PDB file of N, CA and C in Angstrom:
ATOM      1  N   PHE A   1       0.734  -1.327   0.128  1.00  0.00           N
ATOM      2  CA  PHE A   1      -0.143  -0.125   0.098  1.00  0.00           C
ATOM      3  C   PHE A   1       0.902   0.996   0.276  1.00  0.00           C
ATOM      4  N   LYS A   2       0.468   2.189  -0.600  1.00  0.00           N
ATOM      5  CA  LYS A   2       1.319   3.560  -0.965  1.00  0.00           C
ATOM      6  C   LYS A   2       1.185   4.069   0.605  1.00  0.00           C
ATOM      7  N   ALA A   3       2.097   5.088   0.790  1.00  0.00           N
ATOM      8  CA  ALA A   3       2.169   5.909   1.949  1.00  0.00           C
ATOM      9  C   ALA A   3       1.084   6.890   2.159  1.00  0.00           C
ATOM     10  N   CYS A   4       0.936   7.113   3.169  1.00  0.00           N
ATOM     11  CA  CYS A   4      -0.371   8.266   3.440  1.00  0.00           C
ATOM     12  C   CYS A   4       0.451   9.340   4.359  1.00  0.00           C
ATOM     13  N   PRO A   5       1.172  10.037   4.169  1.00  0.00           N
ATOM     14  CA  PRO A   5       2.125  10.807   5.385  1.00  0.00           C
ATOM     15  C   PRO A   5       0.973  11.880   5.980  1.00  0.00           C
ATOM     16  N   HIS A   6      -0.049  12.123   5.523  1.00  0.00           N
ATOM     17  CA  HIS A   6      -1.179  13.251   5.839  1.00  0.00           C
ATOM     18  C   HIS A   6      -1.761  12.432   6.779  1.00  0.00           C
ATOM     19  N   LEU A   7      -1.592  11.234   6.977  1.00  0.00           N
ATOM     20  CA  LEU A   7      -2.647  10.392   8.237  1.00  0.00           C
ATOM     21  C   LEU A   7      -1.685  10.214   9.369  1.00  0.00           C
ATOM     22  N   ASP A   8      -0.294  10.472   9.189  1.00  0.00           N
ATOM     23  CA  ASP A   8       0.423  10.153  10.367  1.00  0.00           C
ATOM     24  C   ASP A   8       0.251  10.754  11.326  1.00  0.00           C
ATOM     25  N   GLY A   9       0.459  10.650  12.530  1.00  0.00           N
ATOM     26  CA  GLY A   9      -0.148  11.156  13.780  1.00  0.00           C
ATOM     27  C   GLY A   9      -1.422  11.391  14.245  1.00  0.00           C
ATOM     28  N   LYS A  10      -2.473  10.962  13.250  1.00  0.00           N
ATOM     29  CA  LYS A  10      -3.636  11.455  13.350  1.00  0.00           C
ATOM     30  C   LYS A  10      -4.594  10.383  13.766  1.00  0.00           C
ATOM     31  N   HIS A  11      -4.352   8.913  13.065  1.00  0.00           N
ATOM     32  CA  HIS A  11      -5.266   7.986  13.106  1.00  0.00           C
ATOM     33  C   HIS A  11      -4.194   6.812  13.979  1.00  0.00           C
ATOM     34  N   VAL A  12      -5.023   5.769  14.560  1.00  0.00           N
ATOM     35  CA  VAL A  12      -4.313   4.620  15.112  1.00  0.00           C
ATOM     36  C   VAL A  12      -5.317   3.178  14.223  1.00  0.00           C
ATOM     37  N   VAL A  13      -4.525   2.846  13.745  1.00  0.00           N
ATOM     38  CA  VAL A  13      -5.038   1.262  13.038  1.00  0.00           C
ATOM     39  C   VAL A  13      -4.370   0.231  13.809  1.00  0.00           C
ATOM     40  N   PHE A  14      -4.936  -0.750  13.978  1.00  0.00           N
ATOM     41  CA  PHE A  14      -4.019  -1.854  14.557  1.00  0.00           C
ATOM     42  C   PHE A  14      -5.084  -3.310  14.159  1.00  0.00           C
ATOM     43  N   GLY A  15      -4.272  -4.431  14.365  1.00  0.00           N
ATOM     44  CA  GLY A  15      -5.069  -5.596  14.322  1.00  0.00           C
ATOM     45  C   GLY A  15      -4.276  -6.843  13.135  1.00  0.00           C
ATOM     46  N   GLN A  16      -5.035  -7.672  12.638  1.00  0.00           N
ATOM     47  CA  GLN A  16      -4.458  -8.594  11.520  1.00  0.00           C
ATOM     48  C   GLN A  16      -5.235  -8.818  10.783  1.00  0.00           C
ATOM     49  N   VAL A  17      -5.131  -9.155   9.493  1.00  0.00           N
ATOM     50  CA  VAL A  17      -5.798  -9.355   8.433  1.00  0.00           C
ATOM     51  C   VAL A  17      -5.997 -10.922   8.044  1.00  0.00           C
ATOM     52  N   TYR A  18      -6.970 -11.796   8.557  1.00  0.00           N
ATOM     53  CA  TYR A  18      -6.827 -12.847   8.325  1.00  0.00           C
ATOM     54  C   TYR A  18      -7.472 -13.406   6.977  1.00  0.00           C
ATOM     55  N   LYS A  19      -8.652 -12.600   6.362  1.00  0.00           N
ATOM     56  CA  LYS A  19      -9.205 -12.896   5.382  1.00  0.00           C
ATOM     57  C   LYS A  19      -9.481 -11.273   4.805  1.00  0.00           C
ATOM     58  N   GLY A  20      -9.670 -11.180   3.424  1.00  0.00           N
ATOM     59  CA  GLY A  20      -9.949  -9.910   2.950  1.00  0.00           C
ATOM     60  C   GLY A  20      -9.196  -8.991   2.222  1.00  0.00           C
ATOM     61  N   TRP A  21      -7.834  -9.574   1.982  1.00  0.00           N
ATOM     62  CA  TRP A  21      -6.667  -8.933   1.350  1.00  0.00           C
ATOM     63  C   TRP A  21      -7.138  -7.998   0.175  1.00  0.00           C
ATOM     64  N   ASP A  22      -8.088  -8.983  -0.519  1.00  0.00           N
ATOM     65  CA  ASP A  22      -8.861  -8.618  -2.020  1.00  0.00           C
ATOM     66  C   ASP A  22      -9.415  -7.303  -1.866  1.00  0.00           C
ATOM     67  N   ALA A  23     -10.124  -7.461  -0.753  1.00  0.00           N
ATOM     68  CA  ALA A  23     -11.144  -6.016  -0.480  1.00  0.00           C
ATOM     69  C   ALA A  23     -10.232  -5.027  -0.213  1.00  0.00           C
ATOM     70  N   LEU A  24      -8.972  -5.237   0.468  1.00  0.00           N
ATOM     71  CA  LEU A  24      -8.246  -4.041   0.794  1.00  0.00           C
ATOM     72  C   LEU A  24      -7.267  -3.496  -0.675  1.00  0.00           C
ATOM     73  N   ASP A  25      -7.235  -4.498  -1.745  1.00  0.00           N
ATOM     74  CA  ASP A  25      -6.645  -4.162  -2.563  1.00  0.00           C
ATOM     75  C   ASP A  25      -7.726  -3.229  -3.468  1.00  0.00           C
ATOM     76  N   LEU A  26      -8.947  -3.414  -3.344  1.00  0.00           N
ATOM     77  CA  LEU A  26      -9.783  -2.927  -4.282  1.00  0.00           C
ATOM     78  C   LEU A  26     -10.088  -1.347  -3.432  1.00  0.00           C
ATOM     79  N   ILE A  27      -9.930  -1.277  -2.341  1.00  0.00           N
ATOM     80  CA  ILE A  27     -10.269  -0.118  -1.587  1.00  0.00           C
ATOM     81  C   ILE A  27      -8.987   0.954  -1.967  1.00  0.00           C
ATOM     82  N   GLU A  28      -7.654   0.188  -1.819  1.00  0.00           N
ATOM     83  CA  GLU A  28      -6.652   1.285  -2.301  1.00  0.00           C
ATOM     84  C   GLU A  28      -6.678   1.384  -3.758  1.00  0.00           C
ATOM     85  N   GLY A  29      -7.191   0.510  -4.667  1.00  0.00           N
ATOM     86  CA  GLY A  29      -7.256   1.059  -6.007  1.00  0.00           C
ATOM     87  C   GLY A  29      -8.175   2.135  -6.276  1.00  0.00           C
ATOM     88  N   CYS A  30      -9.292   2.278  -5.458  1.00  0.00           N
ATOM     89  CA  CYS A  30      -9.969   3.385  -5.783  1.00  0.00           C
ATOM     90  C   CYS A  30      -9.766   4.781  -5.973  1.00  0.00           C
ATOM     91  N   ARG A  31     -10.388   5.336  -6.982  1.00  0.00           N
ATOM     92  CA  ARG A  31      -9.744   6.770  -7.307  1.00  0.00           C
ATOM     93  C   ARG A  31      -9.902   8.029  -6.141  1.00  0.00           C
ATOM     94  N   THR A  32      -9.166   8.798  -5.921  1.00  0.00           N
ATOM     95  CA  THR A  32      -9.048   9.599  -5.072  1.00  0.00           C
ATOM     96  C   THR A  32      -9.180  10.937  -5.539  1.00  0.00           C
ATOM     97  N   GLY A  33      -9.443  11.964  -4.834  1.00  0.00           N
ATOM     98  CA  GLY A  33      -9.261  13.463  -5.061  1.00  0.00           C
ATOM     99  C   GLY A  33      -7.924  13.980  -4.578  1.00  0.00           C
ATOM    100  N   ALA A  34      -8.369  15.453  -4.851  1.00  0.00           N
ATOM    101  CA  ALA A  34      -6.997  16.365  -4.484  1.00  0.00           C
ATOM    102  C   ALA A  34      -6.617  16.212  -2.957  1.00  0.00           C
ATOM    103  N   ARG A  35      -7.327  15.942  -2.174  1.00  0.00           N
ATOM    104  CA  ARG A  35      -7.076  15.655  -0.832  1.00  0.00           C
ATOM    105  C   ARG A  35      -7.040  14.292  -0.372  1.00  0.00           C
ATOM    106  N   ASP A  36      -6.494  13.558  -1.294  1.00  0.00           N
ATOM    107  CA  ASP A  36      -6.427  11.803  -1.257  1.00  0.00           C
ATOM    108  C   ASP A  36      -7.754  11.134  -0.816  1.00  0.00           C
ATOM    109  N   ALA A  37      -8.796  11.908  -0.623  1.00  0.00           N
ATOM    110  CA  ALA A  37     -10.191  11.434  -0.386  1.00  0.00           C
ATOM    111  C   ALA A  37     -10.739  10.263  -1.395  1.00  0.00           C
ATOM    112  N   PRO A  38     -11.388   9.246  -1.164  1.00  0.00           N
ATOM    113  CA  PRO A  38     -11.980   8.658  -2.171  1.00  0.00           C
ATOM    114  C   PRO A  38     -13.091   9.305  -3.004  1.00  0.00           C
ATOM    115  N   LEU A  39     -13.337   9.233  -4.249  1.00  0.00           N
ATOM    116  CA  LEU A  39     -14.256  10.023  -4.946  1.00  0.00           C
ATOM    117  C   LEU A  39     -15.899   9.297  -4.964  1.00  0.00           C
ATOM    118  N   VAL A  40     -15.777   8.177  -4.208  1.00  0.00           N
ATOM    119  CA  VAL A  40     -17.064   7.615  -3.946  1.00  0.00           C
ATOM    120  C   VAL A  40     -17.043   7.089  -2.476  1.00  0.00           C
ATOM    121  N   PRO A  41     -18.093   7.115  -2.022  1.00  0.00           N
ATOM    122  CA  PRO A  41     -18.170   6.543  -0.537  1.00  0.00           C
ATOM    123  C   PRO A  41     -17.564   5.264  -0.514  1.00  0.00           C
ATOM    124  N   ILE A  42     -17.009   4.897   0.718  1.00  0.00           N
ATOM    125  CA  ILE A  42     -16.538   3.238   1.022  1.00  0.00           C
ATOM    126  C   ILE A  42     -16.812   3.044   2.268  1.00  0.00           C
ATOM    127  N   THR A  43     -17.594   1.879   2.543  1.00  0.00           N
ATOM    128  CA  THR A  43     -18.284   1.539   3.704  1.00  0.00           C
ATOM    129  C   THR A  43     -17.835   0.283   4.196  1.00  0.00           C
ATOM    130  N   VAL A  44     -17.154   0.149   5.318  1.00  0.00           N
ATOM    131  CA  VAL A  44     -16.605  -1.330   5.809  1.00  0.00           C
ATOM    132  C   VAL A  44     -17.624  -1.760   6.711  1.00  0.00           C
ATOM    133  N   SER A  45     -18.183  -2.866   6.494  1.00  0.00           N
ATOM    134  CA  SER A  45     -19.383  -3.426   7.395  1.00  0.00           C
ATOM    135  C   SER A  45     -19.054  -4.730   7.674  1.00  0.00           C
ATOM    136  N   ALA A  46     -19.764  -5.397   8.984  1.00  0.00           N
ATOM    137  CA  ALA A  46     -19.466  -6.533   9.386  1.00  0.00           C
ATOM    138  C   ALA A  46     -18.011  -6.816   9.805  1.00  0.00           C
ATOM    139  N   SER A  47     -17.141  -5.845  10.211  1.00  0.00           N
ATOM    140  CA  SER A  47     -15.645  -6.159  10.466  1.00  0.00           C
ATOM    141  C   SER A  47     -15.876  -6.248  11.926  1.00  0.00           C
ATOM    142  N   GLY A  48     -14.413  -6.495  12.560  1.00  0.00           N
ATOM    143  CA  GLY A  48     -14.551  -6.864  14.047  1.00  0.00           C
ATOM    144  C   GLY A  48     -13.696  -8.218  14.299  1.00  0.00           C
ATOM    145  N   GLU A  49     -13.687  -8.221  15.373  1.00  0.00           N
ATOM    146  CA  GLU A  49     -12.798  -9.455  15.803  1.00  0.00           C
ATOM    147  C   GLU A  49     -13.329 -10.870  15.457  1.00  0.00           C
ATOM    148  N   LEU A  50     -12.774 -11.677  14.969  1.00  0.00           N
ATOM    149  CA  LEU A  50     -13.257 -13.036  14.449  1.00  0.00           C
ATOM    150  C   LEU A  50     -13.135 -13.787  15.662  1.00  0.00           C
ATOM    151  N   THR A  51     -14.137 -14.274  16.476  1.00  0.00           N
ATOM    152  CA  THR A  51     -13.748 -15.022  17.812  1.00  0.00           C
ATOM    153  C   THR A  51     -13.327 -16.411  17.594  1.00  0.00           C
ATOM    154  N   ALA A  52     -13.812 -16.961  16.510  1.00  0.00           N
ATOM    155  CA  ALA A  52     -13.507 -18.321  16.231  1.00  0.00           C
ATOM    156  C   ALA A  52     -11.913 -18.195  15.676  1.00  0.00           C
ATOM    157  N   ILE A  53     -11.463 -17.698  15.117  1.00  0.00           N
ATOM    158  CA  ILE A  53     -10.080 -17.894  14.588  1.00  0.00           C
ATOM    159  C   ILE A  53      -9.160 -17.376  15.971  1.00  0.00           C
ATOM    160  N   ARG A  54      -9.896 -16.543  16.879  1.00  0.00           N
ATOM    161  CA  ARG A  54      -9.189 -16.137  18.009  1.00  0.00           C
ATOM    162  C   ARG A  54      -8.823 -17.260  18.773  1.00  0.00           C
ATOM    163  N   ARG A  55      -9.971 -18.069  19.012  1.00  0.00           N
ATOM    164  CA  ARG A  55     -10.207 -19.386  19.784  1.00  0.00           C
ATOM    165  C   ARG A  55      -9.107 -20.369  19.148  1.00  0.00           C
ATOM    166  N   ILE A  56      -8.923 -20.525  17.859  1.00  0.00           N
ATOM    167  CA  ILE A  56      -8.196 -21.312  17.149  1.00  0.00           C
ATOM    168  C   ILE A  56      -6.648 -21.152  17.395  1.00  0.00           C
ATOM    169  N   ALA A  57      -6.389 -20.062  17.106  1.00  0.00           N
ATOM    170  CA  ALA A  57      -5.205 -19.637  17.441  1.00  0.00           C
ATOM    171  C   ALA A  57      -4.790 -19.738  19.034  1.00  0.00           C
ATOM    172  N   GLY A  58      -5.534 -19.600  19.764  1.00  0.00           N
ATOM    173  CA  GLY A  58      -5.252 -19.838  21.072  1.00  0.00           C
ATOM    174  C   GLY A  58      -4.801 -21.333  21.648  1.00  0.00           C
ATOM    175  N   GLU A  59      -5.849 -22.323  20.896  1.00  0.00           N
ATOM    176  CA  GLU A  59      -5.749 -23.610  21.113  1.00  0.00           C
ATOM    177  C   GLU A  59      -4.078 -24.075  20.136  1.00  0.00           C
ATOM    178  N   LYS A  60      -3.741 -23.197  19.173  1.00  0.00           N
ATOM    179  CA  LYS A  60      -3.005 -23.785  18.514  1.00  0.00           C
ATOM    180  C   LYS A  60      -1.413 -23.333  19.401  1.00  0.00           C
ATOM    181  N   ARG A  61      -1.574 -22.052  19.687  1.00  0.00           N
ATOM    182  CA  ARG A  61      -0.315 -21.770  20.953  1.00  0.00           C
ATOM    183  C   ARG A  61      -0.260 -22.648  22.076  1.00  0.00           C
ATOM    184  N   LYS A  62      -1.414 -23.253  22.572  1.00  0.00           N
ATOM    185  CA  LYS A  62      -1.382 -24.250  23.989  1.00  0.00           C
ATOM    186  C   LYS A  62      -0.890 -25.163  23.209  1.00  0.00           C
ATOM    187  N   LYS A  63      -1.177 -25.913  22.207  1.00  0.00           N
ATOM    188  CA  LYS A  63      -0.617 -27.345  21.580  1.00  0.00           C
ATOM    189  C   LYS A  63       1.112 -27.241  21.496  1.00  0.00           C
ATOM    190  N   GLU A  64       1.584 -25.949  20.923  1.00  0.00           N
ATOM    191  CA  GLU A  64       2.936 -25.896  20.608  1.00  0.00           C
ATOM    192  C   GLU A  64       3.449 -25.740  21.905  1.00  0.00           C
ATOM    193  N   LYS A  65       3.066 -24.825  22.893  1.00  0.00           N
ATOM    194  CA  LYS A  65       3.537 -24.668  24.416  1.00  0.00           C
ATOM    195  C   LYS A  65       3.933 -26.337  24.951  1.00  0.00           C
ATOM    196  N   GLU A  66       2.922 -27.209  24.646  1.00  0.00           N
ATOM    197  CA  GLU A  66       2.730 -28.354  25.239  1.00  0.00           C
ATOM    198  C   GLU A  66       3.692 -29.162  24.818  1.00  0.00           C
ATOM    199  N   SER A  67       3.845 -28.993  23.490  1.00  0.00           N
ATOM    200  CA  SER A  67       4.783 -29.876  22.328  1.00  0.00           C
ATOM    201  C   SER A  67       6.416 -29.553  23.042  1.00  0.00           C
ATOM    202  N   GLU A  68       6.510 -28.494  22.940  1.00  0.00           N
ATOM    203  CA  GLU A  68       7.836 -27.663  23.577  1.00  0.00           C
ATOM    204  C   GLU A  68       8.319 -28.226  25.035  1.00  0.00           C
ATOM    205  N   GLU A  69       7.263 -28.094  25.720  1.00  0.00           N
ATOM    206  CA  GLU A  69       7.301 -28.713  27.131  1.00  0.00           C
ATOM    207  C   GLU A  69       7.796 -30.301  27.126  1.00  0.00           C
ATOM    208  N   SER A  70       6.959 -30.789  26.354  1.00  0.00           N
ATOM    209  CA  SER A  70       7.165 -32.465  26.303  1.00  0.00           C
ATOM    210  C   SER A  70       8.717 -32.585  25.765  1.00  0.00           C
ATOM    211  N   ALA A  71       9.012 -32.182  24.629  1.00  0.00           N
ATOM    212  CA  ALA A  71      10.279 -32.176  24.094  1.00  0.00           C
ATOM    213  C   ALA A  71      11.309 -31.911  25.169  1.00  0.00           C
ATOM    214  N   GLU A  72      11.096 -30.646  26.144  1.00  0.00           N
ATOM    215  CA  GLU A  72      11.920 -30.438  26.808  1.00  0.00           C
ATOM    216  C   GLU A  72      12.286 -31.576  28.025  1.00  0.00           C
ATOM    217  N   SER A  73      11.317 -31.972  28.492  1.00  0.00           N
ATOM    218  CA  SER A  73      11.017 -33.254  29.460  1.00  0.00           C
ATOM    219  C   SER A  73      11.657 -34.376  28.793  1.00  0.00           C
ATOM    220  N   GLU A  74      11.576 -34.773  27.813  1.00  0.00           N
ATOM    221  CA  GLU A  74      12.262 -36.191  27.076  1.00  0.00           C
ATOM    222  C   GLU A  74      13.658 -35.783  27.120  1.00  0.00           C
ATOM    223  N   SER A  75      13.926 -34.764  26.547  1.00  0.00           N
ATOM    224  CA  SER A  75      15.331 -34.245  26.399  1.00  0.00           C
ATOM    225  C   SER A  75      16.350 -34.318  28.131  1.00  0.00           C
ATOM    226  N   SER A  76      15.646 -33.921  28.820  1.00  0.00           N
ATOM    227  CA  SER A  76      15.907 -33.907  29.757  1.00  0.00           C
ATOM    228  C   SER A  76      16.042 -35.484  30.675  1.00  0.00           C
ATOM    229  N   ASP A  77      15.200 -35.835  30.790  1.00  0.00           N
ATOM    230  CA  ASP A  77      14.906 -37.206  30.887  1.00  0.00           C
ATOM    231  C   ASP A  77      15.937 -38.370  30.123  1.00  0.00           C
ATOM    232  N   SER A  78      16.475 -37.989  29.189  1.00  0.00           N
ATOM    233  CA  SER A  78      17.484 -38.749  28.296  1.00  0.00           C
ATOM    234  C   SER A  78      18.757 -38.410  28.539  1.00  0.00           C
ATOM    235  N   SER A  79      18.900 -37.265  28.921  1.00  0.00           N
ATOM    236  CA  SER A  79      20.261 -36.949  29.525  1.00  0.00           C
ATOM    237  C   SER A  79      20.583 -37.353  30.685  1.00  0.00           C
ATOM    238  N   SER A  80      19.765 -37.655  31.750  1.00  0.00           N
ATOM    239  CA  SER A  80      19.936 -37.742  33.185  1.00  0.00           C
ATOM    240  C   SER A  80      19.826 -39.527  33.178  1.00  0.00           C
ATOM    241  N   GLY A  81      19.884 -39.919  31.820  1.00  0.00           N
ATOM    242  CA  GLY A  81      19.812 -41.545  31.909  1.00  0.00           C
ATOM    243  C   GLY A  81      18.358 -42.242  32.013  1.00  0.00           C
ATOM    244  N   LYS A  82      17.262 -41.550  32.450  1.00  0.00           N
ATOM    245  CA  LYS A  82      16.063 -42.255  33.000  1.00  0.00           C
ATOM    246  C   LYS A  82      15.180 -42.673  31.840  1.00  0.00           C
ATOM    247  N   LYS A  83      14.468 -43.537  31.819  1.00  0.00           N
ATOM    248  CA  LYS A  83      13.688 -44.138  30.860  1.00  0.00           C
ATOM    249  C   LYS A  83      12.240 -44.113  31.132  1.00  0.00           C
ATOM    250  N   LYS A  84      11.321 -44.085  30.319  1.00  0.00           N
ATOM    251  CA  LYS A  84      10.042 -43.209  30.632  1.00  0.00           C
ATOM    252  C   LYS A  84       9.451 -44.973  30.534  1.00  0.00           C
TER     253      LYS A  84
END
């Protein structure tokens, strides 16, 4: 996306795009006027936090942590000569 220095220090945008890059590309491609404002109204609706994706990401992090802890435990057991 092109730089928008006129927005620096005025707006805060945060988050992560899981789906919809094609929509962002369409918005980026809209013609703008002299003040870089879109020539036609652009409305974003039905946006927000996708709780299912957040839950899935949390479950994935939990499994990764459990896997790391298991690997560390196995490594510790093998270095001390213990068998399971």
